[in-house]
Amino acid sequence: MANERPRATMTYEVTPLNLEGITCQEASMFSHATYIACGAPAEALVWHEKDKRVWPMCKACAWHNLRNRGGRLLAGDRRLTR
């Protein structure tokens, strides 16, 4: 079309998330009286507004936190947010 506005194009450099050697820090379901970390390999970074910090988490813990605890995915598989 003659009067169509040009679309802004943006390019981003994507750096792969390297969480090698980092484990999930979400509380294990077996930790009732004291904190015991899940310990599975971390695959996502989740922001918690309540704690005001970023937590490395495995996919299962990240999925649970995004859906049930109000976490926000900062890095990791975007399919976790679906």
N, C-alpha and C. Protein backbone atom coordinates (compact mmCIF):
# COMPACT_ATOMS: atom_id res chain seq x y z
N MET A 1 0.84 -1.18 0.00
CA MET A 1 0.00 0.00 0.00
C MET A 1 0.89 1.25 0.00
N ALA A 2 0.39 2.28 -0.58
CA ALA A 2 1.19 3.49 -0.73
C ALA A 2 1.39 4.23 0.59
N ASN A 3 0.36 4.24 1.46
CA ASN A 3 0.46 4.98 2.71
C ASN A 3 0.84 4.11 3.91
N GLU A 4 1.30 2.92 3.64
CA GLU A 4 1.63 2.01 4.74
C GLU A 4 2.91 2.46 5.42
N ARG A 5 2.90 2.46 6.74
CA ARG A 5 4.08 2.85 7.52
C ARG A 5 5.13 1.74 7.45
N PRO A 6 6.37 2.12 7.39
CA PRO A 6 7.41 1.08 7.44
C PRO A 6 7.46 0.48 8.85
N ARG A 7 7.60 -0.81 8.89
CA ARG A 7 7.67 -1.49 10.19
C ARG A 7 9.08 -1.38 10.76
N ALA A 8 9.12 -1.17 12.05
CA ALA A 8 10.42 -1.13 12.73
C ALA A 8 10.94 -2.55 12.85
N THR A 9 12.16 -2.75 12.52
CA THR A 9 12.75 -4.07 12.67
C THR A 9 13.83 -3.98 13.72
N MET A 10 13.85 -4.96 14.58
CA MET A 10 14.85 -5.01 15.63
C MET A 10 15.55 -6.35 15.56
N THR A 11 16.81 -6.33 15.79
CA THR A 11 17.56 -7.57 15.84
C THR A 11 18.16 -7.71 17.23
N TYR A 12 18.17 -8.90 17.71
CA TYR A 12 18.71 -9.18 19.03
C TYR A 12 19.75 -10.28 18.91
N GLU A 13 20.79 -10.13 19.67
CA GLU A 13 21.74 -11.22 19.77
C GLU A 13 21.31 -12.08 20.95
N VAL A 14 21.11 -13.34 20.69
CA VAL A 14 20.66 -14.25 21.73
C VAL A 14 21.83 -15.06 22.23
N THR A 15 22.09 -14.95 23.50
CA THR A 15 23.14 -15.73 24.13
C THR A 15 22.51 -16.95 24.76
N PRO A 16 22.98 -18.14 24.41
CA PRO A 16 22.39 -19.34 25.00
C PRO A 16 22.56 -19.34 26.52
N LEU A 17 21.55 -19.84 27.18
CA LEU A 17 21.57 -19.93 28.64
C LEU A 17 22.46 -21.09 29.05
N ASN A 18 23.50 -20.80 29.81
CA ASN A 18 24.41 -21.85 30.25
C ASN A 18 24.28 -22.00 31.77
N LEU A 19 23.55 -23.00 32.17
CA LEU A 19 23.37 -23.27 33.60
C LEU A 19 24.09 -24.56 34.01
N GLU A 20 25.12 -24.88 33.27
CA GLU A 20 25.87 -26.10 33.55
C GLU A 20 26.45 -26.06 34.97
N GLY A 21 26.18 -27.10 35.72
CA GLY A 21 26.69 -27.20 37.09
C GLY A 21 25.83 -26.50 38.13
N ILE A 22 24.74 -25.83 37.70
CA ILE A 22 23.85 -25.16 38.63
C ILE A 22 22.62 -26.04 38.86
N THR A 23 22.23 -26.17 40.10
CA THR A 23 21.09 -27.02 40.42
C THR A 23 19.88 -26.20 40.85
N CYS A 24 18.73 -26.82 40.79
CA CYS A 24 17.47 -26.18 41.15
C CYS A 24 17.48 -25.84 42.64
N GLN A 25 17.12 -24.60 42.95
CA GLN A 25 17.13 -24.14 44.34
C GLN A 25 15.74 -24.06 44.95
N GLU A 26 14.73 -24.51 44.21
CA GLU A 26 13.38 -24.53 44.75
C GLU A 26 13.32 -25.58 45.86
N ALA A 27 12.49 -25.35 46.87
CA ALA A 27 12.37 -26.29 47.98
C ALA A 27 11.81 -27.62 47.49
N SER A 28 12.43 -28.68 47.91
CA SER A 28 11.97 -30.02 47.57
C SER A 28 10.64 -30.30 48.24
N MET A 29 9.83 -31.15 47.63
CA MET A 29 8.54 -31.49 48.25
C MET A 29 8.73 -32.29 49.54
N PHE A 30 9.95 -32.76 49.77
CA PHE A 30 10.24 -33.51 51.00
C PHE A 30 10.73 -32.61 52.13
N SER A 31 10.84 -31.31 51.87
CA SER A 31 11.33 -30.40 52.92
C SER A 31 10.14 -29.72 53.59
N HIS A 32 9.80 -30.19 54.75
CA HIS A 32 8.66 -29.62 55.48
C HIS A 32 9.13 -28.71 56.61
N ALA A 33 10.01 -29.19 57.44
CA ALA A 33 10.46 -28.42 58.60
C ALA A 33 11.68 -27.55 58.26
N THR A 34 12.53 -28.02 57.35
CA THR A 34 13.73 -27.27 56.98
C THR A 34 13.82 -27.20 55.46
N TYR A 35 14.63 -26.27 54.96
CA TYR A 35 14.81 -26.10 53.52
C TYR A 35 15.73 -27.18 52.98
N ILE A 36 15.26 -27.91 52.00
CA ILE A 36 16.08 -28.86 51.26
C ILE A 36 15.87 -28.53 49.78
N ALA A 37 16.94 -28.18 49.08
CA ALA A 37 16.82 -27.81 47.67
C ALA A 37 16.44 -29.03 46.83
N CYS A 38 15.72 -28.79 45.74
CA CYS A 38 15.32 -29.85 44.81
C CYS A 38 16.56 -30.58 44.30
N GLY A 39 17.55 -29.83 43.80
CA GLY A 39 18.82 -30.42 43.40
C GLY A 39 18.89 -30.93 41.97
N ALA A 40 17.79 -30.90 41.22
CA ALA A 40 17.82 -31.31 39.82
C ALA A 40 18.58 -30.26 39.01
N PRO A 41 19.11 -30.63 37.84
CA PRO A 41 19.82 -29.63 37.02
C PRO A 41 18.91 -28.46 36.65
N ALA A 42 19.40 -27.24 36.82
CA ALA A 42 18.61 -26.04 36.51
C ALA A 42 18.48 -25.86 35.01
N GLU A 43 17.28 -25.48 34.57
CA GLU A 43 17.02 -25.25 33.15
C GLU A 43 16.33 -23.92 32.91
N ALA A 44 16.03 -23.18 33.97
CA ALA A 44 15.34 -21.90 33.83
C ALA A 44 15.70 -20.97 34.97
N LEU A 45 15.53 -19.67 34.73
CA LEU A 45 15.70 -18.67 35.78
C LEU A 45 14.34 -18.02 36.00
N VAL A 46 13.86 -18.06 37.24
CA VAL A 46 12.53 -17.55 37.57
C VAL A 46 12.65 -16.44 38.60
N TRP A 47 11.98 -15.32 38.33
CA TRP A 47 11.94 -14.17 39.25
C TRP A 47 10.75 -14.32 40.17
N HIS A 48 10.99 -14.14 41.47
CA HIS A 48 9.91 -14.14 42.46
C HIS A 48 9.80 -12.75 43.06
N GLU A 49 8.65 -12.14 42.88
CA GLU A 49 8.42 -10.80 43.42
C GLU A 49 8.46 -10.80 44.95
N LYS A 50 7.92 -11.86 45.55
CA LYS A 50 7.88 -11.95 47.01
C LYS A 50 9.30 -11.95 47.62
N ASP A 51 10.19 -12.72 47.02
CA ASP A 51 11.57 -12.82 47.51
C ASP A 51 12.48 -11.73 46.95
N LYS A 52 12.03 -11.10 45.86
CA LYS A 52 12.85 -10.09 45.17
C LYS A 52 14.19 -10.67 44.73
N ARG A 53 14.14 -11.88 44.16
CA ARG A 53 15.37 -12.48 43.67
C ARG A 53 15.09 -13.47 42.57
N VAL A 54 16.13 -13.86 41.88
CA VAL A 54 16.05 -14.83 40.79
C VAL A 54 16.46 -16.20 41.32
N TRP A 55 15.68 -17.20 40.97
CA TRP A 55 15.95 -18.56 41.40
C TRP A 55 16.23 -19.45 40.19
N PRO A 56 17.33 -20.21 40.19
CA PRO A 56 17.52 -21.21 39.15
C PRO A 56 16.63 -22.41 39.48
N MET A 57 15.93 -22.93 38.47
CA MET A 57 15.00 -24.04 38.72
C MET A 57 15.05 -25.06 37.60
N CYS A 58 14.69 -26.28 37.93
CA CYS A 58 14.51 -27.32 36.92
C CYS A 58 13.17 -27.05 36.21
N LYS A 59 12.90 -27.76 35.12
CA LYS A 59 11.67 -27.51 34.37
C LYS A 59 10.42 -27.74 35.20
N ALA A 60 10.39 -28.81 35.97
CA ALA A 60 9.19 -29.13 36.76
C ALA A 60 8.90 -28.05 37.80
N CYS A 61 9.92 -27.61 38.52
CA CYS A 61 9.73 -26.58 39.54
C CYS A 61 9.38 -25.24 38.91
N ALA A 62 10.02 -24.91 37.77
CA ALA A 62 9.72 -23.66 37.08
C ALA A 62 8.27 -23.67 36.60
N TRP A 63 7.84 -24.75 36.00
CA TRP A 63 6.46 -24.86 35.52
C TRP A 63 5.47 -24.63 36.67
N HIS A 64 5.71 -25.29 37.80
CA HIS A 64 4.84 -25.15 38.96
C HIS A 64 4.81 -23.70 39.48
N ASN A 65 5.99 -23.09 39.56
CA ASN A 65 6.07 -21.73 40.09
C ASN A 65 5.46 -20.70 39.16
N LEU A 66 5.59 -20.87 37.86
CA LEU A 66 5.00 -19.93 36.92
C LEU A 66 3.48 -19.99 36.97
N ARG A 67 2.92 -21.17 37.17
CA ARG A 67 1.47 -21.32 37.16
C ARG A 67 0.80 -21.11 38.52
N ASN A 68 1.49 -21.44 39.59
CA ASN A 68 0.84 -21.44 40.90
C ASN A 68 1.36 -20.42 41.90
N ARG A 69 2.53 -19.86 41.65
CA ARG A 69 3.11 -18.96 42.66
C ARG A 69 3.47 -17.58 42.14
N GLY A 70 3.06 -17.28 40.93
CA GLY A 70 3.27 -15.93 40.39
C GLY A 70 4.68 -15.62 39.95
N GLY A 71 5.49 -16.64 39.68
CA GLY A 71 6.84 -16.41 39.20
C GLY A 71 6.84 -15.91 37.76
N ARG A 72 7.92 -15.26 37.36
CA ARG A 72 8.09 -14.79 35.98
C ARG A 72 9.32 -15.42 35.39
N LEU A 73 9.19 -15.97 34.19
CA LEU A 73 10.31 -16.61 33.51
C LEU A 73 11.24 -15.55 32.95
N LEU A 74 12.49 -15.55 33.38
CA LEU A 74 13.49 -14.61 32.87
C LEU A 74 14.32 -15.25 31.76
N ALA A 75 14.60 -16.52 31.91
CA ALA A 75 15.39 -17.24 30.92
C ALA A 75 15.03 -18.71 30.99
N GLY A 76 15.03 -19.34 29.84
CA GLY A 76 14.70 -20.75 29.80
C GLY A 76 13.74 -21.02 28.64
N ASP A 77 13.14 -22.17 28.63
CA ASP A 77 12.24 -22.61 27.57
C ASP A 77 10.91 -21.85 27.66
N ARG A 78 10.58 -21.08 26.64
CA ARG A 78 9.34 -20.29 26.67
C ARG A 78 8.10 -21.15 26.70
N ARG A 79 8.22 -22.42 26.33
CA ARG A 79 7.06 -23.31 26.38
C ARG A 79 6.57 -23.51 27.82
N LEU A 80 7.39 -23.18 28.80
CA LEU A 80 6.97 -23.28 30.20
C LEU A 80 5.85 -22.30 30.51
N THR A 81 5.74 -21.22 29.75
CA THR A 81 4.73 -20.21 30.03
C THR A 81 3.39 -20.51 29.38
N ARG A 82 3.31 -21.54 28.58
CA ARG A 82 2.04 -21.89 27.90
C ARG A 82 1.14 -22.67 28.80
